[in-house]
């Protein structure tokens, strides 16, 4: 047993959860095993092969549309760089605080910034020509739907546009989905406008 964030080989859990500890460990390519492993150790006094105790939780895999075995495999190959170079902003007013999302994003290699819609937080102004006429890269804003957060959306869109980027204003569920699947994927269902209905 080690403190959160310390190097380790296994994460023991009774089921799949979307907690900071679980998602940070998964990002490092740690093998997730069932808490049955601990029960066996305590009952037998022996340490069984952890590879025989990979966590199985089909209900939550279905609920969150991912496969834990595939995620563990992807995470090993990513080496904590799944979101390498992808800018993720987060409002400072987001429910439950931005710190948890920061830990998850940074565990996956993202460039994480707290967004307060002030002049200090900005994307460098760039034209399509300066970007080699490439398609705009996405930039994400994790947000809730409070009136203060809604006021930031227009400014974020403008900042992204001026930096030749595609603004994606999303619920924090997008980040949790990506971290769980260990796959950069996007679905319009995560756009914050769909959480307001």
Foldseek 3Di string as FASTA:
>chain_A
DDPQPDDDAEAEDQEDDLFLSNLLCLLQLHFYFYCVQVVCCVVVVDRDDRVVGGDDHVVVCVVLVADQVQSSVLSNVQNLQLQAPAAEEEEQPAPPGCPSVVSNQVSNRYRYYYDQLDPVDAADFDDCVNVVVDQAAEHEYAHAPDPSRVVNPVSQCVRQVRNNHHYAYFHSVQSSSCSSRVHNDDDNCGRNVVVVD
